[in-house]
Amino acid sequence: MIGFDAMACGNHELDYGPGILAGSASTLNAPLVSCNVDASGSAELAGKVSPYVIHTLPLSGKKVAIIGLTPADAATTSSPGELARF
């Protein structure tokens, strides 16, 4: 309802594995972003995590890039499953 432009993929989004995150990503009205996660190795998440999105500001028309950063230790502090690389 707030109108998010993007959602970063943090370590807690991966706590219950890639399948749960993939299901949540499918219900978002905004893209899921992380520029330091390669999700191509996960059948559930492939194509659902983008490194960035370009957003056009409504009043000025200027374009901005929105990135997300996932903590590098998420590989060991959560359950990324077959997620290839951080």
PDB file of N, CA and C in Angstrom:
ATOM      1  N   MET A   1       0.815  -1.194   0.000  1.00  0.00           N
ATOM      2  CA  MET A   1       0.000   0.000   0.000  1.00  0.00           C
ATOM      3  C   MET A   1       0.859   1.260   0.000  1.00  0.00           C
ATOM      4  N   ILE A   2       2.093   1.140   0.491  1.00  0.00           N
ATOM      5  CA  ILE A   2       2.977   2.293   0.512  1.00  0.00           C
ATOM      6  C   ILE A   2       3.449   2.638  -0.896  1.00  0.00           C
ATOM      7  N   GLY A   3       3.577   1.656  -1.738  1.00  0.00           N
ATOM      8  CA  GLY A   3       4.054   1.894  -3.078  1.00  0.00           C
ATOM      9  C   GLY A   3       5.562   1.786  -3.188  1.00  0.00           C
ATOM     10  N   PHE A   4       6.118   0.668  -2.766  1.00  0.00           N
ATOM     11  CA  PHE A   4       7.554   0.455  -2.837  1.00  0.00           C
ATOM     12  C   PHE A   4       8.016   0.389  -4.288  1.00  0.00           C
ATOM     13  N   ASP A   5       9.211   0.911  -4.536  1.00  0.00           N
ATOM     14  CA  ASP A   5       9.802   0.842  -5.867  1.00  0.00           C
ATOM     15  C   ASP A   5      10.625  -0.428  -6.052  1.00  0.00           C
ATOM     16  N   ALA A   6      11.120  -0.989  -4.963  1.00  0.00           N
ATOM     17  CA  ALA A   6      11.912  -2.221  -4.996  1.00  0.00           C
ATOM     18  C   ALA A   6      12.048  -2.754  -3.574  1.00  0.00           C
ATOM     19  N   MET A   7      12.410  -4.037  -3.484  1.00  0.00           N
ATOM     20  CA  MET A   7      12.669  -4.647  -2.183  1.00  0.00           C
ATOM     21  C   MET A   7      14.025  -5.326  -2.246  1.00  0.00           C
ATOM     22  N   ALA A   8      14.881  -5.010  -1.290  1.00  0.00           N
ATOM     23  CA  ALA A   8      16.189  -5.664  -1.223  1.00  0.00           C
ATOM     24  C   ALA A   8      16.046  -7.062  -0.644  1.00  0.00           C
ATOM     25  N   CYS A   9      16.860  -7.945  -1.136  1.00  0.00           N
ATOM     26  CA  CYS A   9      16.900  -9.318  -0.636  1.00  0.00           C
ATOM     27  C   CYS A   9      17.944  -9.386   0.468  1.00  0.00           C
ATOM     28  N   GLY A  10      17.504  -9.420   1.706  1.00  0.00           N
ATOM     29  CA  GLY A  10      18.421  -9.474   2.845  1.00  0.00           C
ATOM     30  C   GLY A  10      18.642 -10.891   3.306  1.00  0.00           C
ATOM     31  N   ASN A  11      19.392 -11.053   4.381  1.00  0.00           N
ATOM     32  CA  ASN A  11      19.666 -12.405   4.868  1.00  0.00           C
ATOM     33  C   ASN A  11      18.424 -13.075   5.443  1.00  0.00           C
ATOM     34  N   HIS A  12      17.535 -12.348   6.085  1.00  0.00           N
ATOM     35  CA  HIS A  12      16.357 -12.979   6.677  1.00  0.00           C
ATOM     36  C   HIS A  12      15.338 -13.420   5.636  1.00  0.00           C
ATOM     37  N   GLU A  13      15.376 -12.821   4.469  1.00  0.00           N
ATOM     38  CA  GLU A  13      14.485 -13.285   3.395  1.00  0.00           C
ATOM     39  C   GLU A  13      14.856 -14.696   2.957  1.00  0.00           C
ATOM     40  N   LEU A  14      16.056 -15.134   3.276  1.00  0.00           N
ATOM     41  CA  LEU A  14      16.516 -16.467   2.897  1.00  0.00           C
ATOM     42  C   LEU A  14      16.476 -17.464   4.048  1.00  0.00           C
ATOM     43  N   ASP A  15      15.946 -17.066   5.200  1.00  0.00           N
ATOM     44  CA  ASP A  15      15.945 -17.940   6.379  1.00  0.00           C
ATOM     45  C   ASP A  15      15.253 -19.280   6.147  1.00  0.00           C
ATOM     46  N   TYR A  16      14.221 -19.292   5.347  1.00  0.00           N
ATOM     47  CA  TYR A  16      13.449 -20.523   5.160  1.00  0.00           C
ATOM     48  C   TYR A  16      13.658 -21.141   3.783  1.00  0.00           C
ATOM     49  N   GLY A  17      14.731 -20.743   3.125  1.00  0.00           N
ATOM     50  CA  GLY A  17      15.096 -21.336   1.851  1.00  0.00           C
ATOM     51  C   GLY A  17      14.583 -20.574   0.654  1.00  0.00           C
ATOM     52  N   PRO A  18      15.105 -20.921  -0.515  1.00  0.00           N
ATOM     53  CA  PRO A  18      14.770 -20.197  -1.731  1.00  0.00           C
ATOM     54  C   PRO A  18      13.314 -20.346  -2.168  1.00  0.00           C
ATOM     55  N   GLY A  19      12.700 -21.466  -1.855  1.00  0.00           N
ATOM     56  CA  GLY A  19      11.307 -21.678  -2.254  1.00  0.00           C
ATOM     57  C   GLY A  19      10.356 -20.695  -1.604  1.00  0.00           C
ATOM     58  N   ILE A  20      10.560 -20.434  -0.318  1.00  0.00           N
ATOM     59  CA  ILE A  20       9.707 -19.483   0.401  1.00  0.00           C
ATOM     60  C   ILE A  20       9.919 -18.077  -0.141  1.00  0.00           C
ATOM     61  N   LEU A  21      11.181 -17.699  -0.378  1.00  0.00           N
ATOM     62  CA  LEU A  21      11.462 -16.381  -0.933  1.00  0.00           C
ATOM     63  C   LEU A  21      10.867 -16.249  -2.328  1.00  0.00           C
ATOM     64  N   ALA A  22      10.954 -17.286  -3.125  1.00  0.00           N
ATOM     65  CA  ALA A  22      10.380 -17.247  -4.472  1.00  0.00           C
ATOM     66  C   ALA A  22       8.869 -17.036  -4.416  1.00  0.00           C
ATOM     67  N   GLY A  23       8.205 -17.703  -3.479  1.00  0.00           N
ATOM     68  CA  GLY A  23       6.764 -17.511  -3.323  1.00  0.00           C
ATOM     69  C   GLY A  23       6.428 -16.094  -2.908  1.00  0.00           C
ATOM     70  N   SER A  24       7.211 -15.548  -1.993  1.00  0.00           N
ATOM     71  CA  SER A  24       6.995 -14.167  -1.557  1.00  0.00           C
ATOM     72  C   SER A  24       7.256 -13.196  -2.693  1.00  0.00           C
ATOM     73  N   ALA A  25       8.304 -13.446  -3.463  1.00  0.00           N
ATOM     74  CA  ALA A  25       8.647 -12.559  -4.585  1.00  0.00           C
ATOM     75  C   ALA A  25       7.513 -12.514  -5.606  1.00  0.00           C
ATOM     76  N   SER A  26       6.816 -13.615  -5.752  1.00  0.00           N
ATOM     77  CA  SER A  26       5.713 -13.665  -6.715  1.00  0.00           C
ATOM     78  C   SER A  26       4.528 -12.804  -6.295  1.00  0.00           C
ATOM     79  N   THR A  27       4.438 -12.480  -5.007  1.00  0.00           N
ATOM     80  CA  THR A  27       3.308 -11.670  -4.533  1.00  0.00           C
ATOM     81  C   THR A  27       3.644 -10.190  -4.418  1.00  0.00           C
ATOM     82  N   LEU A  28       4.918  -9.836  -4.628  1.00  0.00           N
ATOM     83  CA  LEU A  28       5.332  -8.436  -4.509  1.00  0.00           C
ATOM     84  C   LEU A  28       4.821  -7.604  -5.674  1.00  0.00           C
ATOM     85  N   ASN A  29       4.545  -6.356  -5.395  1.00  0.00           N
ATOM     86  CA  ASN A  29       4.204  -5.412  -6.456  1.00  0.00           C
ATOM     87  C   ASN A  29       5.421  -4.575  -6.818  1.00  0.00           C
ATOM     88  N   ALA A  30       6.592  -5.037  -6.441  1.00  0.00           N
ATOM     89  CA  ALA A  30       7.854  -4.354  -6.713  1.00  0.00           C
ATOM     90  C   ALA A  30       8.906  -5.426  -6.979  1.00  0.00           C
ATOM     91  N   PRO A  31       9.941  -5.091  -7.731  1.00  0.00           N
ATOM     92  CA  PRO A  31      10.982  -6.078  -8.007  1.00  0.00           C
ATOM     93  C   PRO A  31      11.846  -6.367  -6.782  1.00  0.00           C
ATOM     94  N   LEU A  32      12.354  -7.583  -6.728  1.00  0.00           N
ATOM     95  CA  LEU A  32      13.281  -8.011  -5.686  1.00  0.00           C
ATOM     96  C   LEU A  32      14.683  -7.796  -6.239  1.00  0.00           C
ATOM     97  N   VAL A  33      15.512  -7.008  -5.521  1.00  0.00           N
ATOM     98  CA  VAL A  33      16.828  -6.644  -6.048  1.00  0.00           C
ATOM     99  C   VAL A  33      17.955  -7.001  -5.091  1.00  0.00           C
ATOM    100  N   SER A  34      19.053  -7.437  -5.666  1.00  0.00           N
ATOM    101  CA  SER A  34      20.307  -7.622  -4.941  1.00  0.00           C
ATOM    102  C   SER A  34      21.403  -7.705  -5.987  1.00  0.00           C
ATOM    103  N   CYS A  35      22.335  -6.763  -5.934  1.00  0.00           N
ATOM    104  CA  CYS A  35      23.389  -6.739  -6.946  1.00  0.00           C
ATOM    105  C   CYS A  35      24.538  -7.685  -6.608  1.00  0.00           C
ATOM    106  N   ASN A  36      24.528  -8.295  -5.443  1.00  0.00           N
ATOM    107  CA  ASN A  36      25.609  -9.219  -5.112  1.00  0.00           C
ATOM    108  C   ASN A  36      25.115 -10.646  -4.860  1.00  0.00           C
ATOM    109  N   VAL A  37      23.962 -10.973  -5.409  1.00  0.00           N
ATOM    110  CA  VAL A  37      23.445 -12.340  -5.346  1.00  0.00           C
ATOM    111  C   VAL A  37      23.248 -12.845  -6.771  1.00  0.00           C
ATOM    112  N   ASP A  38      23.801 -13.994  -7.058  1.00  0.00           N
ATOM    113  CA  ASP A  38      23.563 -14.659  -8.334  1.00  0.00           C
ATOM    114  C   ASP A  38      22.583 -15.787  -8.058  1.00  0.00           C
ATOM    115  N   ALA A  39      21.321 -15.569  -8.394  1.00  0.00           N
ATOM    116  CA  ALA A  39      20.276 -16.547  -8.115  1.00  0.00           C
ATOM    117  C   ALA A  39      20.049 -17.518  -9.270  1.00  0.00           C
ATOM    118  N   SER A  40      20.875 -17.429 -10.295  1.00  0.00           N
ATOM    119  CA  SER A  40      20.660 -18.286 -11.462  1.00  0.00           C
ATOM    120  C   SER A  40      20.845 -19.771 -11.164  1.00  0.00           C
ATOM    121  N   GLY A  41      21.531 -20.109 -10.074  1.00  0.00           N
ATOM    122  CA  GLY A  41      21.723 -21.505  -9.708  1.00  0.00           C
ATOM    123  C   GLY A  41      20.562 -22.105  -8.944  1.00  0.00           C
ATOM    124  N   SER A  42      19.551 -21.303  -8.647  1.00  0.00           N
ATOM    125  CA  SER A  42      18.391 -21.773  -7.908  1.00  0.00           C
ATOM    126  C   SER A  42      17.200 -21.874  -8.841  1.00  0.00           C
ATOM    127  N   ALA A  43      16.663 -23.073  -8.986  1.00  0.00           N
ATOM    128  CA  ALA A  43      15.507 -23.250  -9.864  1.00  0.00           C
ATOM    129  C   ALA A  43      14.331 -22.380  -9.431  1.00  0.00           C
ATOM    130  N   GLU A  44      14.157 -22.222  -8.120  1.00  0.00           N
ATOM    131  CA  GLU A  44      13.024 -21.432  -7.612  1.00  0.00           C
ATOM    132  C   GLU A  44      13.215 -19.930  -7.812  1.00  0.00           C
ATOM    133  N   LEU A  45      14.450 -19.453  -7.671  1.00  0.00           N
ATOM    134  CA  LEU A  45      14.694 -18.004  -7.691  1.00  0.00           C
ATOM    135  C   LEU A  45      15.210 -17.458  -9.019  1.00  0.00           C
ATOM    136  N   ALA A  46      15.606 -18.319  -9.923  1.00  0.00           N
ATOM    137  CA  ALA A  46      16.143 -17.846 -11.203  1.00  0.00           C
ATOM    138  C   ALA A  46      15.149 -16.900 -11.865  1.00  0.00           C
ATOM    139  N   GLY A  47      15.634 -15.719 -12.221  1.00  0.00           N
ATOM    140  CA  GLY A  47      14.794 -14.720 -12.877  1.00  0.00           C
ATOM    141  C   GLY A  47      13.948 -13.878 -11.941  1.00  0.00           C
ATOM    142  N   LYS A  48      14.015 -14.144 -10.634  1.00  0.00           N
ATOM    143  CA  LYS A  48      13.193 -13.387  -9.674  1.00  0.00           C
ATOM    144  C   LYS A  48      13.983 -12.354  -8.894  1.00  0.00           C
ATOM    145  N   VAL A  49      15.308 -12.382  -8.981  1.00  0.00           N
ATOM    146  CA  VAL A  49      16.152 -11.408  -8.280  1.00  0.00           C
ATOM    147  C   VAL A  49      16.959 -10.657  -9.337  1.00  0.00           C
ATOM    148  N   SER A  50      16.770  -9.355  -9.382  1.00  0.00           N
ATOM    149  CA  SER A  50      17.496  -8.509 -10.330  1.00  0.00           C
ATOM    150  C   SER A  50      18.601  -7.764  -9.596  1.00  0.00           C
ATOM    151  N   PRO A  51      19.700  -7.448 -10.275  1.00  0.00           N
ATOM    152  CA  PRO A  51      20.749  -6.691  -9.605  1.00  0.00           C
ATOM    153  C   PRO A  51      20.336  -5.246  -9.327  1.00  0.00           C
ATOM    154  N   TYR A  52      19.486  -4.694 -10.172  1.00  0.00           N
ATOM    155  CA  TYR A  52      19.044  -3.309 -10.017  1.00  0.00           C
ATOM    156  C   TYR A  52      17.765  -3.090 -10.828  1.00  0.00           C
ATOM    157  N   VAL A  53      17.115  -1.988 -10.581  1.00  0.00           N
ATOM    158  CA  VAL A  53      16.013  -1.514 -11.421  1.00  0.00           C
ATOM    159  C   VAL A  53      16.241  -0.027 -11.675  1.00  0.00           C
ATOM    160  N   ILE A  54      15.772   0.436 -12.796  1.00  0.00           N
ATOM    161  CA  ILE A  54      15.823   1.862 -13.111  1.00  0.00           C
ATOM    162  C   ILE A  54      14.422   2.404 -12.890  1.00  0.00           C
ATOM    163  N   HIS A  55      14.332   3.456 -12.091  1.00  0.00           N
ATOM    164  CA  HIS A  55      13.038   4.057 -11.752  1.00  0.00           C
ATOM    165  C   HIS A  55      13.040   5.512 -12.218  1.00  0.00           C
ATOM    166  N   THR A  56      11.972   5.923 -12.845  1.00  0.00           N
ATOM    167  CA  THR A  56      11.825   7.318 -13.262  1.00  0.00           C
ATOM    168  C   THR A  56      11.068   8.070 -12.181  1.00  0.00           C
ATOM    169  N   LEU A  57      11.683   9.112 -11.658  1.00  0.00           N
ATOM    170  CA  LEU A  57      11.042   9.912 -10.613  1.00  0.00           C
ATOM    171  C   LEU A  57       9.834  10.639 -11.195  1.00  0.00           C
ATOM    172  N   PRO A  58       8.699  10.577 -10.515  1.00  0.00           N
ATOM    173  CA  PRO A  58       7.458  11.095 -11.089  1.00  0.00           C
ATOM    174  C   PRO A  58       7.449  12.606 -11.343  1.00  0.00           C
ATOM    175  N   LEU A  59       8.019  13.400 -10.481  1.00  0.00           N
ATOM    176  CA  LEU A  59       7.936  14.850 -10.662  1.00  0.00           C
ATOM    177  C   LEU A  59       8.980  15.401 -11.626  1.00  0.00           C
ATOM    178  N   SER A  60      10.202  14.903 -11.554  1.00  0.00           N
ATOM    179  CA  SER A  60      11.273  15.452 -12.381  1.00  0.00           C
ATOM    180  C   SER A  60      11.521  14.674 -13.662  1.00  0.00           C
ATOM    181  N   GLY A  61      11.103  13.421 -13.697  1.00  0.00           N
ATOM    182  CA  GLY A  61      11.378  12.582 -14.854  1.00  0.00           C
ATOM    183  C   GLY A  61      12.802  12.049 -14.874  1.00  0.00           C
ATOM    184  N   LYS A  62      13.595  12.367 -13.865  1.00  0.00           N
ATOM    185  CA  LYS A  62      14.970  11.862 -13.790  1.00  0.00           C
ATOM    186  C   LYS A  62      14.957  10.371 -13.487  1.00  0.00           C
ATOM    187  N   LYS A  63      15.967   9.704 -14.002  1.00  0.00           N
ATOM    188  CA  LYS A  63      16.075   8.267 -13.784  1.00  0.00           C
ATOM    189  C   LYS A  63      17.108   7.990 -12.708  1.00  0.00           C
ATOM    190  N   VAL A  64      16.771   7.054 -11.820  1.00  0.00           N
ATOM    191  CA  VAL A  64      17.681   6.625 -10.760  1.00  0.00           C
ATOM    192  C   VAL A  64      17.750   5.104 -10.765  1.00  0.00           C
ATOM    193  N   ALA A  65      18.901   4.594 -10.385  1.00  0.00           N
ATOM    194  CA  ALA A  65      19.064   3.146 -10.231  1.00  0.00           C
ATOM    195  C   ALA A  65      18.837   2.794  -8.773  1.00  0.00           C
ATOM    196  N   ILE A  66      18.101   1.736  -8.551  1.00  0.00           N
ATOM    197  CA  ILE A  66      17.881   1.221  -7.201  1.00  0.00           C
ATOM    198  C   ILE A  66      18.554  -0.138  -7.138  1.00  0.00           C
ATOM    199  N   ILE A  67      19.465  -0.280  -6.170  1.00  0.00           N
ATOM    200  CA  ILE A  67      20.162  -1.554  -5.996  1.00  0.00           C
ATOM    201  C   ILE A  67      19.821  -2.119  -4.618  1.00  0.00           C
ATOM    202  N   GLY A  68      20.060  -3.379  -4.460  1.00  0.00           N
ATOM    203  CA  GLY A  68      19.952  -4.018  -3.155  1.00  0.00           C
ATOM    204  C   GLY A  68      21.266  -4.712  -2.876  1.00  0.00           C
ATOM    205  N   LEU A  69      21.640  -4.782  -1.615  1.00  0.00           N
ATOM    206  CA  LEU A  69      22.842  -5.498  -1.203  1.00  0.00           C
ATOM    207  C   LEU A  69      22.456  -6.517  -0.139  1.00  0.00           C
ATOM    208  N   THR A  70      22.828  -7.745  -0.359  1.00  0.00           N
ATOM    209  CA  THR A  70      22.575  -8.815   0.594  1.00  0.00           C
ATOM    210  C   THR A  70      23.859  -9.057   1.383  1.00  0.00           C
ATOM    211  N   PRO A  71      23.774  -9.187   2.710  1.00  0.00           N
ATOM    212  CA  PRO A  71      24.995  -9.430   3.487  1.00  0.00           C
ATOM    213  C   PRO A  71      25.736 -10.665   2.971  1.00  0.00           C
ATOM    214  N   ALA A  72      27.035 -10.533   2.820  1.00  0.00           N
ATOM    215  CA  ALA A  72      27.846 -11.631   2.289  1.00  0.00           C
ATOM    216  C   ALA A  72      27.787 -12.877   3.169  1.00  0.00           C
ATOM    217  N   ASP A  73      27.545 -12.698   4.473  1.00  0.00           N
ATOM    218  CA  ASP A  73      27.485 -13.862   5.348  1.00  0.00           C
ATOM    219  C   ASP A  73      26.143 -14.584   5.286  1.00  0.00           C
ATOM    220  N   ALA A  74      25.243 -14.135   4.445  1.00  0.00           N
ATOM    221  CA  ALA A  74      23.941 -14.798   4.309  1.00  0.00           C
ATOM    222  C   ALA A  74      24.099 -16.247   3.852  1.00  0.00           C
ATOM    223  N   ALA A  75      25.195 -16.539   3.180  1.00  0.00           N
ATOM    224  CA  ALA A  75      25.445 -17.916   2.745  1.00  0.00           C
ATOM    225  C   ALA A  75      25.548 -18.875   3.922  1.00  0.00           C
ATOM    226  N   THR A  76      25.965 -18.348   5.091  1.00  0.00           N
ATOM    227  CA  THR A  76      26.126 -19.207   6.258  1.00  0.00           C
ATOM    228  C   THR A  76      25.146 -18.877   7.383  1.00  0.00           C
ATOM    229  N   THR A  77      24.550 -17.698   7.380  1.00  0.00           N
ATOM    230  CA  THR A  77      23.638 -17.319   8.461  1.00  0.00           C
ATOM    231  C   THR A  77      22.182 -17.561   8.119  1.00  0.00           C
ATOM    232  N   SER A  78      21.878 -17.946   6.887  1.00  0.00           N
ATOM    233  CA  SER A  78      20.503 -18.272   6.519  1.00  0.00           C
ATOM    234  C   SER A  78      20.526 -19.547   5.679  1.00  0.00           C
ATOM    235  N   SER A  79      19.469 -19.809   4.962  1.00  0.00           N
ATOM    236  CA  SER A  79      19.342 -21.073   4.231  1.00  0.00           C
ATOM    237  C   SER A  79      19.121 -20.819   2.744  1.00  0.00           C
ATOM    238  N   PRO A  80      20.156 -20.384   2.033  1.00  0.00           N
ATOM    239  CA  PRO A  80      19.965 -20.018   0.634  1.00  0.00           C
ATOM    240  C   PRO A  80      19.793 -21.185  -0.322  1.00  0.00           C
ATOM    241  N   GLY A  81      19.950 -22.400   0.159  1.00  0.00           N
ATOM    242  CA  GLY A  81      19.770 -23.552  -0.702  1.00  0.00           C
ATOM    243  C   GLY A  81      20.801 -23.580  -1.822  1.00  0.00           C
ATOM    244  N   GLU A  82      20.331 -23.742  -3.038  1.00  0.00           N
ATOM    245  CA  GLU A  82      21.214 -23.850  -4.192  1.00  0.00           C
ATOM    246  C   GLU A  82      21.620 -22.496  -4.754  1.00  0.00           C
ATOM    247  N   LEU A  83      21.376 -21.442  -4.020  1.00  0.00           N
ATOM    248  CA  LEU A  83      21.757 -20.115  -4.469  1.00  0.00           C
ATOM    249  C   LEU A  83      23.246 -20.125  -4.752  1.00  0.00           C
ATOM    250  N   ALA A  84      23.610 -19.733  -5.948  1.00  0.00           N
ATOM    251  CA  ALA A  84      24.973 -19.955  -6.407  1.00  0.00           C
ATOM    252  C   ALA A  84      26.037 -19.158  -5.656  1.00  0.00           C
ATOM    253  N   ARG A  85      25.917 -17.834  -5.663  1.00  0.00           N
ATOM    254  CA  ARG A  85      27.009 -17.042  -5.113  1.00  0.00           C
ATOM    255  C   ARG A  85      26.492 -15.784  -4.452  1.00  0.00           C
ATOM    256  N   PHE A  86      27.238 -15.320  -3.450  1.00  0.00           N
ATOM    257  CA  PHE A  86      27.015 -14.007  -2.828  1.00  0.00           C
ATOM    258  C   PHE A  86      28.206 -13.147  -3.137  1.00  0.00           C
TER     259      PHE A  86
END
